[in-house]
């Protein structure tokens, strides 16, 4: 059983290779608790029906249907230890997706879904905030809010918003054409992470299609997370996420 550790633009994971083994969920959860340490989650590498399969667990020991930066990490692991290159189809609990392993790693994301508008009233000190945004799903649920400033005080509101919507919480501010800065509080990790791939994708989709009504293809959006830059690409074949991954 090979165990490796990675960071994907600050989103940190343990990868456990169980190809050829059978393992129940209880055993997986126990391994998560044993090995996750201070990292955000654990990725199990398996094979199912002839495809490599990504089974992702948050640091709380519970499965999540998908993790965007985890998928990029998963494909990086396959390239390093199974010699995978070019385009490869892999399976997740959000369906079969395409990964592209070239000089950079990019992965197809589950099709983003805009579910509803969101409005939250909050208090920070003596200031009253009206937060307007959207509720979306990119494999897992996200709420997304446009803000003027990404402050620690704002992040302190995230745990309660996460509880209300049972979703990851993303705050972003536009920094230029096709660019934004983002901070994310992740459900299951129960803290702010240095980046979130599905949250960044949800935000890019929200800005492009909901706020701007921009249906042009192909298109690219660049997001600055606390852990580095992510790129979200839109084309006729889907939505793809790319960014750095290191084995650490």
Protein backbone atom coordinates (compact mmCIF):
# COMPACT_ATOMS: atom_id res chain seq x y z
CA UNK A 1 0.00 0.00 0.00
CA UNK A 2 1.80 3.10 -1.26
CA UNK A 3 1.20 6.34 0.65
CA UNK A 4 2.25 9.71 -0.79
CA UNK A 5 1.64 13.33 0.19
CA UNK A 6 0.87 16.20 -2.16
CA UNK A 7 -0.03 19.86 -2.21
CA UNK A 8 -2.21 21.24 -5.02
CA UNK A 9 -1.97 25.04 -4.84
CA UNK A 10 -2.05 24.73 -1.07
CA UNK A 11 -4.84 22.14 -0.87
CA UNK A 12 -3.03 19.31 0.91
CA UNK A 13 -3.71 15.60 0.55
CA UNK A 14 -2.58 12.11 1.45
CA UNK A 15 -2.81 9.63 -1.46
CA UNK A 16 -3.26 5.95 -0.58
CA UNK A 17 -2.89 3.44 -3.41
CA UNK A 18 -5.11 0.38 -2.87
CA UNK A 19 -5.22 -0.87 -6.48
CA UNK A 20 -5.83 -4.62 -6.40
CA UNK A 21 -7.18 -4.54 -2.84
CA UNK A 22 -10.70 -4.62 -1.48
CA UNK A 23 -11.40 -2.17 1.33
CA UNK A 24 -14.66 -1.21 3.03
CA UNK A 25 -15.65 2.33 4.00
CA UNK A 26 -15.04 1.77 7.70
CA UNK A 27 -11.44 0.77 7.04
CA UNK A 28 -10.98 3.74 4.73
CA UNK A 29 -12.32 6.14 7.36
CA UNK A 30 -9.93 4.66 9.91
CA UNK A 31 -7.01 5.17 7.52
CA UNK A 32 -8.07 8.77 6.98
CA UNK A 33 -8.00 9.46 10.72
CA UNK A 34 -4.65 7.67 11.04
CA UNK A 35 -2.83 9.37 8.18
CA UNK A 36 -4.47 12.74 7.42
CA UNK A 37 -2.58 14.71 10.08
CA UNK A 38 -2.97 18.42 9.32
CA UNK A 39 -3.86 17.83 5.66
CA UNK A 40 -7.22 18.54 4.11
CA UNK A 41 -8.19 15.08 2.91
CA UNK A 42 -7.25 11.60 1.70
CA UNK A 43 -7.48 10.23 -1.84
CA UNK A 44 -7.80 6.47 -2.37
CA UNK A 45 -6.55 5.18 -5.73
CA UNK A 46 -8.50 2.15 -6.98
CA UNK A 47 -9.48 0.41 -10.20
CA UNK A 48 -13.14 -0.20 -11.02
CA UNK A 49 -14.53 -1.60 -14.26
CA UNK A 50 -11.26 -1.05 -16.08
CA UNK A 51 -10.82 2.57 -15.01
CA UNK A 52 -8.75 4.19 -12.33
CA UNK A 53 -11.16 5.37 -9.63
CA UNK A 54 -10.73 8.29 -7.22
CA UNK A 55 -12.41 7.88 -3.84
CA UNK A 56 -12.05 11.07 -1.82
CA UNK A 57 -12.50 11.52 1.94
CA UNK A 58 -12.35 14.83 3.80
CA UNK A 59 -10.24 15.08 6.91
CA UNK A 60 -13.34 14.33 9.02
CA UNK A 61 -13.27 10.74 7.71
CA UNK A 62 -16.37 11.15 5.53
CA UNK A 63 -16.54 10.64 1.78
CA UNK A 64 -17.13 13.58 -0.53
CA UNK A 65 -18.42 12.93 -4.04
CA UNK A 66 -15.67 15.02 -5.60
CA UNK A 67 -12.68 17.28 -5.01
CA UNK A 68 -11.24 19.37 -7.84
CA UNK A 69 -7.72 19.83 -6.51
CA UNK A 70 -7.88 16.23 -5.35
CA UNK A 71 -8.61 15.13 -8.92
CA UNK A 72 -5.56 17.05 -10.17
CA UNK A 73 -3.52 15.35 -7.46
CA UNK A 74 -4.97 11.97 -8.38
CA UNK A 75 -3.94 12.39 -12.01
CA UNK A 76 -0.47 13.58 -10.97
CA UNK A 77 -0.10 10.39 -8.92
CA UNK A 78 -1.19 8.26 -11.90
CA UNK A 79 1.37 9.96 -14.12
CA UNK A 80 4.16 9.44 -11.58
CA UNK A 81 3.47 5.86 -10.53
CA UNK A 82 1.46 4.33 -13.38
CA UNK A 83 3.02 6.11 -16.36
CA UNK A 84 -0.27 7.72 -17.42
CA UNK A 85 0.11 10.48 -20.00
CA UNK A 86 -2.10 12.30 -22.51
CA UNK A 87 -5.85 12.05 -22.05
CA UNK A 88 -7.27 9.48 -19.66
CA UNK A 89 -10.80 8.76 -18.44
CA UNK A 90 -11.14 8.08 -14.72
CA UNK A 91 -14.12 7.50 -12.46
CA UNK A 92 -15.37 9.37 -9.40
CA UNK A 93 -18.57 9.41 -7.37
CA UNK A 94 -19.57 12.37 -9.56
CA UNK A 95 -19.22 10.27 -12.72
CA UNK A 96 -16.53 9.54 -15.29
CA UNK A 97 -14.27 12.49 -16.10
CA UNK A 98 -11.36 13.21 -18.44
CA UNK A 99 -7.90 14.12 -17.23
CA UNK A 100 -5.15 15.63 -19.38
CA UNK A 101 -1.61 14.75 -18.33
CA UNK A 102 0.80 16.77 -20.44
CA UNK A 103 3.38 19.34 -19.29
CA UNK A 104 0.61 20.57 -17.00
CA UNK A 105 -2.20 18.62 -15.38
CA UNK A 106 -5.82 19.57 -16.02
CA UNK A 107 -9.00 17.73 -15.14
CA UNK A 108 -12.56 17.91 -16.34
CA UNK A 109 -14.91 19.08 -13.63
CA UNK A 110 -18.45 17.80 -13.01
CA UNK A 111 -20.85 20.01 -14.94
CA UNK A 112 -21.54 23.10 -12.80
CA UNK A 113 -25.18 23.61 -11.81
CA UNK A 114 -26.61 26.93 -10.67
CA UNK A 115 -29.33 26.09 -8.15
CA UNK A 116 -30.54 29.36 -6.63
CA UNK A 117 -29.73 32.89 -5.56
CA UNK A 118 -28.46 33.40 -2.01
CA UNK A 119 -28.85 36.36 0.33
CA UNK A 120 -27.24 36.48 3.78
CA UNK A 121 -27.42 39.34 6.30
CA UNK A 122 -24.52 39.37 8.74
CA UNK A 123 -22.89 41.54 11.38
CA UNK A 124 -19.16 42.23 11.68
CA UNK A 125 -18.49 44.50 14.62
CA UNK A 126 -20.68 47.55 14.09
CA UNK A 127 -21.01 46.92 10.37
CA UNK A 128 -24.07 45.30 8.83
CA UNK A 129 -23.41 43.28 5.68
CA UNK A 130 -25.74 42.25 2.89
CA UNK A 131 -24.12 39.33 1.07
CA UNK A 132 -25.57 38.41 -2.31
CA UNK A 133 -24.48 35.38 -4.30
CA UNK A 134 -25.40 31.98 -5.62
CA UNK A 135 -25.88 28.39 -4.56
CA UNK A 136 -24.20 25.98 -7.00
CA UNK A 137 -23.07 22.41 -7.30
CA UNK A 138 -19.81 21.26 -8.88
CA UNK A 139 -19.77 17.68 -7.68
CA UNK A 140 -20.33 19.07 -4.17
CA UNK A 141 -22.42 22.09 -3.03
CA UNK A 142 -21.01 25.62 -2.85
CA UNK A 143 -22.29 29.04 -1.93
CA UNK A 144 -20.49 31.92 -3.65
CA UNK A 145 -20.48 35.58 -2.60
CA UNK A 146 -19.05 38.64 -4.37
CA UNK A 147 -17.37 40.99 -1.88
CA UNK A 148 -15.27 44.15 -1.96
CA UNK A 149 -12.60 42.89 0.45
CA UNK A 150 -11.41 39.42 1.49
CA UNK A 151 -10.89 39.93 5.21
CA UNK A 152 -10.38 37.51 8.08
CA UNK A 153 -13.51 39.01 9.67
CA UNK A 154 -15.46 37.92 6.61
CA UNK A 155 -14.07 34.39 6.85
CA UNK A 156 -15.23 34.26 10.47
CA UNK A 157 -18.81 34.27 9.13
CA UNK A 158 -18.23 31.14 7.03
CA UNK A 159 -18.86 28.40 9.65
CA UNK A 160 -22.42 29.59 10.27
CA UNK A 161 -23.13 30.00 6.54
CA UNK A 162 -21.68 26.53 5.96
CA UNK A 163 -24.06 25.17 8.62
CA UNK A 164 -27.13 26.88 7.14
CA UNK A 165 -26.53 25.71 3.57
CA UNK A 166 -24.56 22.51 4.30
CA UNK A 167 -22.11 23.69 1.64
CA UNK A 168 -18.62 24.99 1.07
CA UNK A 169 -18.44 28.79 1.39
CA UNK A 170 -16.56 30.94 -1.14
CA UNK A 171 -15.90 34.69 -1.03
CA UNK A 172 -14.39 36.35 -4.08
CA UNK A 173 -13.52 39.77 -5.41
CA UNK A 174 -12.88 40.70 -9.02
CA UNK A 175 -9.33 41.85 -9.71
CA UNK A 176 -9.50 42.38 -13.48
CA UNK A 177 -10.90 41.02 -16.71
CA UNK A 178 -11.29 37.23 -16.33
CA UNK A 179 -9.51 37.38 -12.95
CA UNK A 180 -10.62 37.13 -9.34
CA UNK A 181 -9.22 36.47 -5.88
CA UNK A 182 -10.92 33.85 -3.71
CA UNK A 183 -10.98 32.43 -0.20
CA UNK A 184 -12.86 29.23 0.69
CA UNK A 185 -14.11 27.56 3.88
CA UNK A 186 -14.54 23.85 3.17
CA UNK A 187 -17.24 21.57 4.50
CA UNK A 188 -15.75 18.38 5.97
CA UNK A 189 -12.40 20.08 6.48
CA UNK A 190 -14.20 22.61 8.72
CA UNK A 191 -11.70 25.40 8.20
CA UNK A 192 -10.43 27.69 5.50
CA UNK A 193 -8.18 25.90 3.01
CA UNK A 194 -5.45 27.51 0.93
CA UNK A 195 -7.40 26.70 -2.24
CA UNK A 196 -10.45 24.78 -3.41
CA UNK A 197 -10.75 23.57 -7.00
CA UNK A 198 -14.48 22.95 -7.10
CA UNK A 199 -15.12 26.23 -5.27
CA UNK A 200 -12.96 28.12 -7.75
CA UNK A 201 -14.82 26.44 -10.62
CA UNK A 202 -18.22 27.25 -9.07
CA UNK A 203 -17.14 30.88 -8.72
CA UNK A 204 -15.79 31.11 -12.28
CA UNK A 205 -19.05 29.64 -13.61
CA UNK A 206 -21.11 32.03 -11.49
CA UNK A 207 -19.19 35.07 -12.70
CA UNK A 208 -19.20 34.02 -16.37
CA UNK A 209 -22.75 32.78 -16.81
CA UNK A 210 -24.82 34.28 -13.99
CA UNK A 211 -23.27 37.70 -13.35
CA UNK A 212 -21.97 38.47 -16.86
CA UNK A 213 -24.25 36.35 -19.06
CA UNK A 214 -21.19 35.42 -21.11
CA UNK A 215 -21.70 32.27 -23.23
CA UNK A 216 -18.57 32.67 -25.37
CA UNK A 217 -16.41 29.56 -25.92
CA UNK A 218 -13.58 28.80 -25.54
CA UNK A 219 -12.87 30.94 -22.50
CA UNK A 220 -10.46 31.07 -19.56
CA UNK A 221 -10.68 32.51 -16.05
CA UNK A 222 -7.75 32.91 -13.66
CA UNK A 223 -8.21 32.70 -9.89
CA UNK A 224 -5.72 33.70 -7.22
CA UNK A 225 -6.09 31.53 -4.15
CA UNK A 226 -4.01 31.81 -0.99
CA UNK A 227 -2.03 28.80 -2.24
CA UNK A 228 -1.43 29.88 -5.84
CA UNK A 229 -3.12 30.42 -9.18
CA UNK A 230 -5.76 28.18 -10.71
CA UNK A 231 -7.10 28.34 -14.25
CA UNK A 232 -10.66 27.40 -15.19
CA UNK A 233 -11.18 26.71 -18.90
CA UNK A 234 -14.53 26.52 -20.65
CA UNK A 235 -14.96 24.84 -24.03
CA UNK A 236 -17.42 22.69 -25.95
CA UNK A 237 -16.16 19.56 -24.15
CA UNK A 238 -16.72 20.83 -20.61
CA UNK A 239 -15.06 22.79 -17.83
CA UNK A 240 -11.43 22.04 -16.96
CA UNK A 241 -9.31 22.98 -13.95
CA UNK A 242 -5.52 23.32 -14.04
CA UNK A 243 -2.80 24.46 -11.65
CA UNK A 244 0.31 23.33 -9.83
CA UNK A 245 0.73 20.08 -7.87
CA UNK A 246 3.83 19.08 -5.88
CA UNK A 247 4.78 15.89 -4.06
CA UNK A 248 5.78 17.01 -0.59
